[in-house]
Amino acid sequence: MRELTRLRRQVSTWERVSKRLEDAVELTSLDDVSLRGEMQEELGVLSKIIDRLQFQALFSGRYDDEDALLAIHAGAGGTEAQDWAQMLQRMFVRWAEGHGLTVEIVDESPGDEAGIKSTLMTVRGEDYPYGRLKSERGVHRLVRISPYDSSSRRHTSFAKVEVWPDVAEDIEIDINESDLRIDRFRASGAGGQHVQKNETAIRITHIPTGIVVSCQNQRSLVQNQETAMKILKAQLFDMERRKQEAEISRLKGEDVDAGWGNQIRSYVLHPYRMVKDHRTDYETGHVQAVLDGSLDGFMEAYLKDILGEKRSEEGAVLGEG
């Protein structure tokens, strides 16, 4: 039913645009000078609608319209890297809010002095959450004058972003209970007396694969366990798909260290200001806007880039045929 609703919404959108274009062509054919201003205004509106629909057409992946699971892990570097991980978390939350998407922090490990060591979030909504966020998987690099260095020296920090489609509701995976180790503990951070005094947090380890999932944001142990199992299913499903399909590695990307040589994007605050994506060469000097969630330019450049690669591969196959 969810798929049917999505398809109906897409078809309805195209039908409305088609009707507006037909009406515009018909009015233009009247060659009425008094309608020129109105037609120019309508042309501007239709151009923006077509641009948006062209962008949506880039989401051709099987799971692009699914909700997303997004994890951030601070790289080596202690407080500096942990602060960078939290900056990235804020950036993605601001981006999601700007697109009317709902963000929920499932699990979070606070930093030793500031920032976070890691976080796991769900991003839900109708604006292609996974299709957009899949462009963000990889290592993100920050260069700046460290606010934690008394000598005001320049530091380079790394954090790794992982993204999966949240398809747990749509799949069936048999998990043997004997393959699970379940640990209960008290949730950390804010949450009031209930969080501080009761073991409501849950950590599930899937022993055969080594996958570890934690959840502490819900108010009860049962709710946290249900959420953690859903996330475990999604990760196991992703792992199985990558075994079966060679190209499926694009869903999560290779497991690389959050360090030198592996970055997909650099955020430079000193000695100059620029954010550059090393895969597409898309760059901007509006660093603060990017850190405030202005990521659409990078996402669109990535989607166009992988679409071009796909077409090149298809052309090569046809040429060989």
C-alpha atoms as a PDB file:
ATOM      1  CA  MET A   1       0.000   0.000   0.000  1.00  0.00           C
ATOM      2  CA  ARG A   2       2.880   2.379   0.724  1.00  0.00           C
ATOM      3  CA  GLU A   3       4.377   1.665  -2.703  1.00  0.00           C
ATOM      4  CA  LEU A   4       0.964   2.161  -4.341  1.00  0.00           C
ATOM      5  CA  THR A   5       0.506   5.499  -2.573  1.00  0.00           C
ATOM      6  CA  ARG A   6       3.956   6.666  -3.680  1.00  0.00           C
ATOM      7  CA  LEU A   7       3.350   5.713  -7.324  1.00  0.00           C
ATOM      8  CA  ARG A   8      -0.067   7.364  -7.371  1.00  0.00           C
ATOM      9  CA  ARG A   9       1.448  10.553  -5.984  1.00  0.00           C
ATOM     10  CA  GLN A  10       4.157  10.550  -8.663  1.00  0.00           C
ATOM     11  CA  VAL A  11       1.728   9.880 -11.506  1.00  0.00           C
ATOM     12  CA  SER A  12      -0.651  12.564 -10.231  1.00  0.00           C
ATOM     13  CA  THR A  13       2.184  15.100 -10.164  1.00  0.00           C
ATOM     14  CA  TRP A  14       3.170  14.387 -13.769  1.00  0.00           C
ATOM     15  CA  GLU A  15      -0.448  14.501 -14.917  1.00  0.00           C
ATOM     16  CA  ARG A  16      -0.939  17.939 -13.338  1.00  0.00           C
ATOM     17  CA  VAL A  17       2.238  19.267 -14.939  1.00  0.00           C
ATOM     18  CA  SER A  18       1.247  17.814 -18.311  1.00  0.00           C
ATOM     19  CA  LYS A  19      -2.146  19.531 -18.109  1.00  0.00           C
ATOM     20  CA  ARG A  20      -0.537  22.885 -17.231  1.00  0.00           C
ATOM     21  CA  LEU A  21       1.855  22.560 -20.168  1.00  0.00           C
ATOM     22  CA  GLU A  22      -1.016  21.785 -22.542  1.00  0.00           C
ATOM     23  CA  ASP A  23      -2.945  24.818 -21.285  1.00  0.00           C
ATOM     24  CA  ALA A  24       0.146  27.019 -21.671  1.00  0.00           C
ATOM     25  CA  VAL A  25       0.717  25.862 -25.252  1.00  0.00           C
ATOM     26  CA  GLU A  26      -2.934  26.476 -26.075  1.00  0.00           C
ATOM     27  CA  LEU A  27      -2.880  30.016 -24.653  1.00  0.00           C
ATOM     28  CA  THR A  28       0.379  30.779 -26.445  1.00  0.00           C
ATOM     29  CA  SER A  29      -1.145  29.707 -29.767  1.00  0.00           C
ATOM     30  CA  LEU A  30      -3.741  32.487 -29.376  1.00  0.00           C
ATOM     31  CA  ASP A  31      -0.941  35.022 -29.899  1.00  0.00           C
ATOM     32  CA  ASP A  32      -2.695  37.447 -27.549  1.00  0.00           C
ATOM     33  CA  VAL A  33      -0.307  40.248 -26.498  1.00  0.00           C
ATOM     34  CA  SER A  34      -2.352  40.930 -23.356  1.00  0.00           C
ATOM     35  CA  LEU A  35      -1.511  37.420 -22.092  1.00  0.00           C
ATOM     36  CA  ARG A  36       2.246  37.847 -22.473  1.00  0.00           C
ATOM     37  CA  GLY A  37       2.917  38.844 -18.849  1.00  0.00           C
ATOM     38  CA  GLU A  38       0.779  36.023 -17.498  1.00  0.00           C
ATOM     39  CA  MET A  39       2.480  33.502 -19.791  1.00  0.00           C
ATOM     40  CA  GLN A  40       5.964  34.637 -18.769  1.00  0.00           C
ATOM     41  CA  GLU A  41       5.017  34.177 -15.122  1.00  0.00           C
ATOM     42  CA  GLU A  42       3.594  30.711 -15.857  1.00  0.00           C
ATOM     43  CA  LEU A  43       6.763  29.793 -17.777  1.00  0.00           C
ATOM     44  CA  GLY A  44       8.868  30.662 -14.726  1.00  0.00           C
ATOM     45  CA  VAL A  45       6.714  28.502 -12.459  1.00  0.00           C
ATOM     46  CA  LEU A  46       6.734  25.571 -14.886  1.00  0.00           C
ATOM     47  CA  SER A  47      10.517  25.812 -15.292  1.00  0.00           C
ATOM     48  CA  LYS A  48      10.997  25.433 -11.525  1.00  0.00           C
ATOM     49  CA  ILE A  49       8.591  22.484 -11.427  1.00  0.00           C
ATOM     50  CA  ILE A  50      10.386  20.761 -14.312  1.00  0.00           C
ATOM     51  CA  ASP A  51      13.770  21.322 -12.645  1.00  0.00           C
ATOM     52  CA  ARG A  52      12.461  19.685  -9.479  1.00  0.00           C
ATOM     53  CA  LEU A  53      11.017  16.735 -11.397  1.00  0.00           C
ATOM     54  CA  GLN A  54      14.272  16.300 -13.322  1.00  0.00           C
ATOM     55  CA  PHE A  55      16.121  16.148 -10.010  1.00  0.00           C
ATOM     56  CA  GLN A  56      13.667  13.561  -8.653  1.00  0.00           C
ATOM     57  CA  ALA A  57      14.223  11.464 -11.789  1.00  0.00           C
ATOM     58  CA  LEU A  58      17.812  10.967 -10.607  1.00  0.00           C
ATOM     59  CA  PHE A  59      16.499   8.728  -7.819  1.00  0.00           C
ATOM     60  CA  SER A  60      16.462   5.570  -9.903  1.00  0.00           C
ATOM     61  CA  GLY A  61      17.852   3.194  -7.260  1.00  0.00           C
ATOM     62  CA  ARG A  62      15.682   0.400  -5.950  1.00  0.00           C
ATOM     63  CA  TYR A  63      15.660   1.729  -2.378  1.00  0.00           C
ATOM     64  CA  ASP A  64      16.003   5.461  -3.017  1.00  0.00           C
ATOM     65  CA  ASP A  65      12.521   6.255  -1.673  1.00  0.00           C
ATOM     66  CA  GLU A  66      13.069   4.315   1.568  1.00  0.00           C
ATOM     67  CA  ASP A  67      13.776   5.833   4.971  1.00  0.00           C
ATOM     68  CA  ALA A  68      17.435   5.919   5.965  1.00  0.00           C
ATOM     69  CA  LEU A  69      19.640   4.808   8.822  1.00  0.00           C
ATOM     70  CA  LEU A  70      22.633   7.109   9.243  1.00  0.00           C
ATOM     71  CA  ALA A  71      25.613   6.466  11.517  1.00  0.00           C
ATOM     72  CA  ILE A  72      28.536   8.787  12.283  1.00  0.00           C
ATOM     73  CA  HIS A  73      31.810   7.603  13.850  1.00  0.00           C
ATOM     74  CA  ALA A  74      34.560   9.930  15.045  1.00  0.00           C
ATOM     75  CA  GLY A  75      37.987   9.053  13.653  1.00  0.00           C
ATOM     76  CA  ALA A  76      41.318   9.204  15.423  1.00  0.00           C
ATOM     77  CA  GLY A  77      42.066  12.504  17.105  1.00  0.00           C
ATOM     78  CA  GLY A  78      40.285  12.487  20.423  1.00  0.00           C
ATOM     79  CA  THR A  79      38.217  15.543  21.336  1.00  0.00           C
ATOM     80  CA  GLU A  80      38.858  17.286  18.016  1.00  0.00           C
ATOM     81  CA  ALA A  81      37.450  14.369  15.981  1.00  0.00           C
ATOM     82  CA  GLN A  82      34.553  13.878  18.405  1.00  0.00           C
ATOM     83  CA  ASP A  83      33.607  17.538  18.061  1.00  0.00           C
ATOM     84  CA  TRP A  84      33.695  17.134  14.268  1.00  0.00           C
ATOM     85  CA  ALA A  85      31.378  14.112  14.510  1.00  0.00           C
ATOM     86  CA  GLN A  86      28.872  16.232  16.430  1.00  0.00           C
ATOM     87  CA  MET A  87      29.162  19.032  13.865  1.00  0.00           C
ATOM     88  CA  LEU A  88      28.286  16.502  11.161  1.00  0.00           C
ATOM     89  CA  GLN A  89      25.335  15.265  13.201  1.00  0.00           C
ATOM     90  CA  ARG A  90      24.028  18.833  13.459  1.00  0.00           C
ATOM     91  CA  MET A  91      24.596  19.344   9.718  1.00  0.00           C
ATOM     92  CA  PHE A  92      22.511  16.311   8.771  1.00  0.00           C
ATOM     93  CA  VAL A  93      19.760  17.168  11.257  1.00  0.00           C
ATOM     94  CA  ARG A  94      19.523  20.704   9.860  1.00  0.00           C
ATOM     95  CA  TRP A  95      19.469  19.352   6.295  1.00  0.00           C
ATOM     96  CA  ALA A  96      16.686  16.884   7.133  1.00  0.00           C
ATOM     97  CA  GLU A  97      14.598  19.531   8.880  1.00  0.00           C
ATOM     98  CA  GLY A  98      14.908  21.735   5.808  1.00  0.00           C
ATOM     99  CA  HIS A  99      13.366  18.947   3.708  1.00  0.00           C
ATOM    100  CA  GLY A 100      10.532  18.211   6.110  1.00  0.00           C
ATOM    101  CA  LEU A 101      12.100  14.910   7.178  1.00  0.00           C
ATOM    102  CA  THR A 102      11.919  13.493  10.688  1.00  0.00           C
ATOM    103  CA  VAL A 103      15.139  12.649  12.517  1.00  0.00           C
ATOM    104  CA  GLU A 104      15.311  10.388  15.544  1.00  0.00           C
ATOM    105  CA  ILE A 105      18.537   9.666  17.416  1.00  0.00           C
ATOM    106  CA  VAL A 106      18.489   5.952  18.168  1.00  0.00           C
ATOM    107  CA  ASP A 107      21.814   5.728  19.942  1.00  0.00           C
ATOM    108  CA  GLU A 108      24.599   8.118  20.862  1.00  0.00           C
ATOM    109  CA  SER A 109      27.938   7.759  22.602  1.00  0.00           C
ATOM    110  CA  PRO A 110      29.128  11.072  24.107  1.00  0.00           C
ATOM    111  CA  GLY A 111      32.714  12.236  23.728  1.00  0.00           C
ATOM    112  CA  ASP A 112      35.207  12.237  26.570  1.00  0.00           C
ATOM    113  CA  GLU A 113      35.292  16.051  26.858  1.00  0.00           C
ATOM    114  CA  ALA A 114      33.107  17.348  24.026  1.00  0.00           C
ATOM    115  CA  GLY A 115      31.286  16.127  20.935  1.00  0.00           C
ATOM    116  CA  ILE A 116      30.294  12.518  20.319  1.00  0.00           C
ATOM    117  CA  LYS A 117      32.172   9.310  19.628  1.00  0.00           C
ATOM    118  CA  SER A 118      29.356   7.889  17.516  1.00  0.00           C
ATOM    119  CA  THR A 119      25.661   8.253  16.781  1.00  0.00           C
ATOM    120  CA  LEU A 120      22.949   6.328  14.955  1.00  0.00           C
ATOM    121  CA  MET A 121      19.914   8.166  13.562  1.00  0.00           C
ATOM    122  CA  THR A 122      16.822   7.345  11.557  1.00  0.00           C
ATOM    123  CA  VAL A 123      15.723   9.791   8.853  1.00  0.00           C
ATOM    124  CA  ARG A 124      12.119   9.351   7.728  1.00  0.00           C
ATOM    125  CA  GLY A 125       9.822  11.086   5.273  1.00  0.00           C
ATOM    126  CA  GLU A 126       8.631  11.250   1.685  1.00  0.00           C
ATOM    127  CA  ASP A 127      11.474  13.207   0.080  1.00  0.00           C
ATOM    128  CA  TYR A 128      13.758  10.263  -0.846  1.00  0.00           C
ATOM    129  CA  PRO A 129      15.682  10.070   2.462  1.00  0.00           C
ATOM    130  CA  TYR A 130      17.978   7.206   1.458  1.00  0.00           C
ATOM    131  CA  GLY A 131      18.257   8.302  -2.167  1.00  0.00           C
ATOM    132  CA  ARG A 132      19.655  11.646  -1.035  1.00  0.00           C
ATOM    133  CA  LEU A 133      21.745  10.543   1.935  1.00  0.00           C
ATOM    134  CA  LYS A 134      23.536   7.698   0.129  1.00  0.00           C
ATOM    135  CA  SER A 135      25.773  10.408  -1.356  1.00  0.00           C
ATOM    136  CA  GLU A 136      27.099  11.145   2.153  1.00  0.00           C
ATOM    137  CA  ARG A 137      28.578   7.735   2.999  1.00  0.00           C
ATOM    138  CA  GLY A 138      32.316   7.832   3.410  1.00  0.00           C
ATOM    139  CA  VAL A 139      34.975   9.752   5.306  1.00  0.00           C
ATOM    140  CA  HIS A 140      34.493  13.502   5.900  1.00  0.00           C
ATOM    141  CA  ARG A 141      37.595  15.619   6.604  1.00  0.00           C
ATOM    142  CA  LEU A 142      37.732  18.904   8.539  1.00  0.00           C
ATOM    143  CA  VAL A 143      40.666  21.356   8.507  1.00  0.00           C
ATOM    144  CA  ARG A 144      40.510  24.255  10.977  1.00  0.00           C
ATOM    145  CA  ILE A 145      42.213  26.103  13.791  1.00  0.00           C
ATOM    146  CA  SER A 146      41.364  23.919  16.767  1.00  0.00           C
ATOM    147  CA  PRO A 147      39.298  25.574  19.515  1.00  0.00           C
ATOM    148  CA  TYR A 148      40.763  22.931  21.860  1.00  0.00           C
ATOM    149  CA  ASP A 149      44.408  23.798  21.155  1.00  0.00           C
ATOM    150  CA  SER A 150      45.797  26.497  23.460  1.00  0.00           C
ATOM    151  CA  SER A 151      48.451  27.242  20.820  1.00  0.00           C
ATOM    152  CA  SER A 152      45.775  27.813  18.138  1.00  0.00           C
ATOM    153  CA  ARG A 153      47.335  25.354  15.740  1.00  0.00           C
ATOM    154  CA  ARG A 154      45.664  23.964  12.649  1.00  0.00           C
ATOM    155  CA  HIS A 155      44.194  20.467  13.023  1.00  0.00           C
ATOM    156  CA  THR A 156      42.801  17.918  10.595  1.00  0.00           C
ATOM    157  CA  SER A 157      39.952  15.711  11.832  1.00  0.00           C
ATOM    158  CA  PHE A 158      38.084  12.795  10.299  1.00  0.00           C
ATOM    159  CA  ALA A 159      34.701  11.171  10.808  1.00  0.00           C
ATOM    160  CA  LYS A 160      33.065   8.301   8.915  1.00  0.00           C
ATOM    161  CA  VAL A 161      29.441   8.357   7.784  1.00  0.00           C
ATOM    162  CA  GLU A 162      27.524   5.152   7.039  1.00  0.00           C
ATOM    163  CA  VAL A 163      24.082   5.012   5.430  1.00  0.00           C
ATOM    164  CA  TRP A 164      21.659   2.122   4.933  1.00  0.00           C
ATOM    165  CA  PRO A 165      18.119   1.936   3.581  1.00  0.00           C
ATOM    166  CA  ASP A 166      15.681   1.255   6.430  1.00  0.00           C
ATOM    167  CA  VAL A 167      13.893  -1.741   4.918  1.00  0.00           C
ATOM    168  CA  ALA A 168      13.376  -3.829   8.050  1.00  0.00           C
ATOM    169  CA  GLU A 169       9.583  -3.510   7.810  1.00  0.00           C
ATOM    170  CA  ASP A 170       9.572  -4.924   4.269  1.00  0.00           C
ATOM    171  CA  ILE A 171      11.805  -7.976   4.698  1.00  0.00           C
ATOM    172  CA  GLU A 172      11.789 -11.294   6.473  1.00  0.00           C
ATOM    173  CA  ILE A 173      15.039 -12.470   8.029  1.00  0.00           C
ATOM    174  CA  ASP A 174      15.265 -15.458  10.320  1.00  0.00           C
ATOM    175  CA  ILE A 175      17.538 -14.678  13.251  1.00  0.00           C
ATOM    176  CA  ASN A 176      18.521 -17.515  15.562  1.00  0.00           C
ATOM    177  CA  GLU A 177      18.231 -16.322  19.161  1.00  0.00           C
ATOM    178  CA  SER A 178      21.281 -18.391  20.066  1.00  0.00           C
ATOM    179  CA  ASP A 179      23.299 -16.151  17.717  1.00  0.00           C
ATOM    180  CA  LEU A 180      22.474 -13.064  19.780  1.00  0.00           C
ATOM    181  CA  ARG A 181      24.114 -11.644  22.876  1.00  0.00           C
ATOM    182  CA  ILE A 182      21.823  -9.105  24.534  1.00  0.00           C
ATOM    183  CA  ASP A 183      23.200  -6.700  27.134  1.00  0.00           C
ATOM    184  CA  ARG A 184      21.094  -4.319  29.195  1.00  0.00           C
ATOM    185  CA  PHE A 185      22.508  -1.152  30.734  1.00  0.00           C
ATOM    186  CA  ARG A 186      21.533   2.276  31.982  1.00  0.00           C
ATOM    187  CA  ALA A 187      21.104   4.903  29.288  1.00  0.00           C
ATOM    188  CA  SER A 188      23.594   7.765  29.308  1.00  0.00           C
ATOM    189  CA  GLY A 189      22.964  11.471  28.827  1.00  0.00           C
ATOM    190  CA  ALA A 190      19.776  13.455  29.354  1.00  0.00           C
ATOM    191  CA  GLY A 191      16.525  11.717  30.055  1.00  0.00           C
ATOM    192  CA  GLY A 192      15.480  12.335  33.618  1.00  0.00           C
ATOM    193  CA  GLN A 193      15.187   9.948  36.559  1.00  0.00           C
ATOM    194  CA  HIS A 194      13.704   7.129  34.466  1.00  0.00           C
ATOM    195  CA  VAL A 195      16.799   6.976  32.276  1.00  0.00           C
ATOM    196  CA  GLN A 196      19.232   7.330  35.149  1.00  0.00           C
ATOM    197  CA  LYS A 197      17.827   4.687  37.510  1.00  0.00           C
ATOM    198  CA  ASN A 198      16.636   1.888  35.217  1.00  0.00           C
ATOM    199  CA  GLU A 199      18.406  -0.397  32.758  1.00  0.00           C
ATOM    200  CA  THR A 200      16.356   0.685  29.751  1.00  0.00           C
ATOM    201  CA  ALA A 201      19.169   0.711  27.159  1.00  0.00           C
ATOM    202  CA  ILE A 202      19.897  -2.357  25.051  1.00  0.00           C
ATOM    203  CA  ARG A 203      22.896  -3.637  23.117  1.00  0.00           C
ATOM    204  CA  ILE A 204      22.490  -6.571  20.725  1.00  0.00           C
ATOM    205  CA  THR A 205      25.511  -8.381  19.281  1.00  0.00           C
ATOM    206  CA  HIS A 206      25.006 -10.712  16.325  1.00  0.00           C
ATOM    207  CA  ILE A 207      27.775 -13.181  17.071  1.00  0.00           C
ATOM    208  CA  PRO A 208      28.233 -14.751  13.581  1.00  0.00           C
ATOM    209  CA  THR A 209      28.753 -11.394  11.863  1.00  0.00           C
ATOM    210  CA  GLY A 210      30.021  -9.253  14.751  1.00  0.00           C
ATOM    211  CA  ILE A 211      27.355  -6.594  14.101  1.00  0.00           C
ATOM    212  CA  VAL A 212      26.590  -4.583  17.252  1.00  0.00           C
ATOM    213  CA  VAL A 213      23.467  -2.438  17.574  1.00  0.00           C
ATOM    214  CA  SER A 214      22.614  -0.227  20.537  1.00  0.00           C
ATOM    215  CA  CYS A 215      19.450   1.703  21.339  1.00  0.00           C
ATOM    216  CA  GLN A 216      18.687   3.907  24.336  1.00  0.00           C
ATOM    217  CA  ASN A 217      16.340   6.625  23.137  1.00  0.00           C
ATOM    218  CA  GLN A 218      13.044   4.894  23.974  1.00  0.00           C
ATOM    219  CA  ARG A 219      11.426   4.981  27.412  1.00  0.00           C
ATOM    220  CA  SER A 220      11.270   1.234  27.990  1.00  0.00           C
ATOM    221  CA  LEU A 221      13.512  -1.786  27.599  1.00  0.00           C
ATOM    222  CA  VAL A 222      10.979  -3.504  25.317  1.00  0.00           C
ATOM    223  CA  GLN A 223      10.783  -0.515  22.952  1.00  0.00           C
ATOM    224  CA  ASN A 224      14.561  -0.230  22.783  1.00  0.00           C
ATOM    225  CA  GLN A 225      14.908  -3.945  22.044  1.00  0.00           C
ATOM    226  CA  GLU A 226      12.314  -3.778  19.257  1.00  0.00           C
ATOM    227  CA  THR A 227      14.084  -0.816  17.651  1.00  0.00           C
ATOM    228  CA  ALA A 228      17.501  -2.473  17.957  1.00  0.00           C
ATOM    229  CA  MET A 229      16.188  -5.667  16.310  1.00  0.00           C
ATOM    230  CA  LYS A 230      14.765  -3.659  13.403  1.00  0.00           C
ATOM    231  CA  ILE A 231      18.134  -1.999  12.836  1.00  0.00           C
ATOM    232  CA  LEU A 232      19.940  -5.349  13.115  1.00  0.00           C
ATOM    233  CA  LYS A 233      17.609  -6.812  10.474  1.00  0.00           C
ATOM    234  CA  ALA A 234      18.310  -3.892   8.153  1.00  0.00           C
ATOM    235  CA  GLN A 235      22.070  -4.333   8.518  1.00  0.00           C
ATOM    236  CA  LEU A 236      21.889  -8.114   8.031  1.00  0.00           C
ATOM    237  CA  PHE A 237      19.729  -7.577   4.955  1.00  0.00           C
ATOM    238  CA  ASP A 238      22.231  -5.087   3.582  1.00  0.00           C
ATOM    239  CA  MET A 239      25.070  -7.556   4.190  1.00  0.00           C
ATOM    240  CA  GLU A 240      23.214 -10.349   2.370  1.00  0.00           C
ATOM    241  CA  ARG A 241      22.419  -8.132  -0.598  1.00  0.00           C
ATOM    242  CA  ARG A 242      26.076  -7.173  -0.940  1.00  0.00           C
ATOM    243  CA  LYS A 243      26.975 -10.842  -1.109  1.00  0.00           C
ATOM    244  CA  GLN A 244      24.423 -11.495  -3.845  1.00  0.00           C
ATOM    245  CA  GLU A 245      24.933  -8.351  -5.954  1.00  0.00           C
ATOM    246  CA  ALA A 246      28.372  -7.006  -6.836  1.00  0.00           C
ATOM    247  CA  GLU A 247      27.116  -3.449  -7.318  1.00  0.00           C
ATOM    248  CA  ILE A 248      25.283  -3.407  -4.001  1.00  0.00           C
ATOM    249  CA  SER A 249      28.438  -2.130  -2.288  1.00  0.00           C
ATOM    250  CA  ARG A 250      27.266   1.333  -3.352  1.00  0.00           C
ATOM    251  CA  LEU A 251      24.547   1.161  -0.708  1.00  0.00           C
ATOM    252  CA  LYS A 252      27.027   1.317   2.106  1.00  0.00           C
ATOM    253  CA  GLY A 253      30.393   1.741   0.463  1.00  0.00           C
ATOM    254  CA  GLU A 254      33.642   0.037   1.336  1.00  0.00           C
ATOM    255  CA  ASP A 255      34.603  -0.270   4.987  1.00  0.00           C
ATOM    256  CA  VAL A 256      37.456   2.215   5.170  1.00  0.00           C
ATOM    257  CA  ASP A 257      39.303   3.858   8.046  1.00  0.00           C
ATOM    258  CA  ALA A 258      38.331   7.400   8.988  1.00  0.00           C
ATOM    259  CA  GLY A 259      41.738   8.809   8.171  1.00  0.00           C
ATOM    260  CA  TRP A 260      44.099  10.199   5.539  1.00  0.00           C
ATOM    261  CA  GLY A 261      43.557   9.217   1.912  1.00  0.00           C
ATOM    262  CA  ASN A 262      40.001   7.952   2.354  1.00  0.00           C
ATOM    263  CA  GLN A 263      38.023  11.208   2.503  1.00  0.00           C
ATOM    264  CA  ILE A 264      35.147  11.791   0.090  1.00  0.00           C
ATOM    265  CA  ARG A 265      34.815  15.452   1.055  1.00  0.00           C
ATOM    266  CA  SER A 266      36.958  18.109   2.698  1.00  0.00           C
ATOM    267  CA  TYR A 267      35.681  21.027   4.787  1.00  0.00           C
ATOM    268  CA  VAL A 268      38.428  23.636   5.031  1.00  0.00           C
ATOM    269  CA  LEU A 269      38.034  26.551   7.463  1.00  0.00           C
ATOM    270  CA  HIS A 270      41.707  27.601   7.471  1.00  0.00           C
ATOM    271  CA  PRO A 271      43.817  28.910   5.723  1.00  0.00           C
ATOM    272  CA  TYR A 272      40.955  29.423   3.231  1.00  0.00           C
ATOM    273  CA  ARG A 273      37.258  28.546   3.309  1.00  0.00           C
ATOM    274  CA  MET A 274      35.950  25.857   0.972  1.00  0.00           C
ATOM    275  CA  VAL A 275      34.047  22.575   0.929  1.00  0.00           C
ATOM    276  CA  LYS A 276      35.038  20.216  -1.904  1.00  0.00           C
ATOM    277  CA  ASP A 277      33.751  16.773  -2.842  1.00  0.00           C
ATOM    278  CA  HIS A 278      36.660  14.727  -4.163  1.00  0.00           C
ATOM    279  CA  ARG A 279      34.443  12.332  -6.147  1.00  0.00           C
ATOM    280  CA  THR A 280      32.654  14.922  -8.272  1.00  0.00           C
ATOM    281  CA  ASP A 281      34.912  18.016  -7.825  1.00  0.00           C
ATOM    282  CA  TYR A 282      31.808  19.978  -6.791  1.00  0.00           C
ATOM    283  CA  GLU A 283      32.879  22.757  -4.429  1.00  0.00           C
ATOM    284  CA  THR A 284      31.604  25.893  -2.716  1.00  0.00           C
ATOM    285  CA  GLY A 285      33.065  28.667  -0.593  1.00  0.00           C
ATOM    286  CA  HIS A 286      29.891  28.953   1.508  1.00  0.00           C
ATOM    287  CA  VAL A 287      31.236  26.721   4.264  1.00  0.00           C
ATOM    288  CA  GLN A 288      28.888  27.873   7.021  1.00  0.00           C
ATOM    289  CA  ALA A 289      25.846  27.310   4.800  1.00  0.00           C
ATOM    290  CA  VAL A 290      27.004  23.731   4.195  1.00  0.00           C
ATOM    291  CA  LEU A 291      27.542  23.132   7.914  1.00  0.00           C
ATOM    292  CA  ASP A 292      24.035  24.517   8.425  1.00  0.00           C
ATOM    293  CA  GLY A 293      22.624  21.805   6.158  1.00  0.00           C
ATOM    294  CA  SER A 294      22.960  23.159   2.598  1.00  0.00           C
ATOM    295  CA  LEU A 295      23.918  19.835   1.005  1.00  0.00           C
ATOM    296  CA  ASP A 296      21.651  19.610  -2.050  1.00  0.00           C
ATOM    297  CA  GLY A 297      24.326  20.779  -4.488  1.00  0.00           C
ATOM    298  CA  PHE A 298      26.695  18.005  -3.390  1.00  0.00           C
ATOM    299  CA  MET A 299      23.919  15.402  -3.481  1.00  0.00           C
ATOM    300  CA  GLU A 300      22.757  16.394  -6.970  1.00  0.00           C
ATOM    301  CA  ALA A 301      26.324  16.375  -8.321  1.00  0.00           C
ATOM    302  CA  TYR A 302      26.854  12.872  -6.897  1.00  0.00           C
ATOM    303  CA  LEU A 303      23.575  11.531  -8.302  1.00  0.00           C
ATOM    304  CA  LYS A 304      24.350  12.926 -11.761  1.00  0.00           C
ATOM    305  CA  ASP A 305      27.841  11.475 -11.561  1.00  0.00           C
ATOM    306  CA  ILE A 306      26.745   7.927 -10.718  1.00  0.00           C
ATOM    307  CA  LEU A 307      23.960   8.142 -13.316  1.00  0.00           C
ATOM    308  CA  GLY A 308      26.589   9.059 -15.910  1.00  0.00           C
ATOM    309  CA  GLU A 309      28.750   6.113 -14.820  1.00  0.00           C
ATOM    310  CA  LYS A 310      25.778   3.775 -15.094  1.00  0.00           C
ATOM    311  CA  ARG A 311      24.996   4.977 -18.605  1.00  0.00           C
ATOM    312  CA  SER A 312      28.646   4.581 -19.625  1.00  0.00           C
ATOM    313  CA  GLU A 313      28.668   1.016 -18.309  1.00  0.00           C
ATOM    314  CA  GLU A 314      25.432   0.227 -20.153  1.00  0.00           C
ATOM    315  CA  GLY A 315      26.893   1.703 -23.351  1.00  0.00           C
ATOM    316  CA  ALA A 316      30.022  -0.389 -22.964  1.00  0.00           C
ATOM    317  CA  VAL A 317      27.956  -3.555 -22.518  1.00  0.00           C
ATOM    318  CA  LEU A 318      25.879  -2.737 -25.605  1.00  0.00           C
ATOM    319  CA  GLY A 319      29.076  -2.035 -27.544  1.00  0.00           C
ATOM    320  CA  GLU A 320      30.515  -5.400 -26.582  1.00  0.00           C
ATOM    321  CA  GLY A 321      27.228  -7.043 -27.579  1.00  0.00           C
END
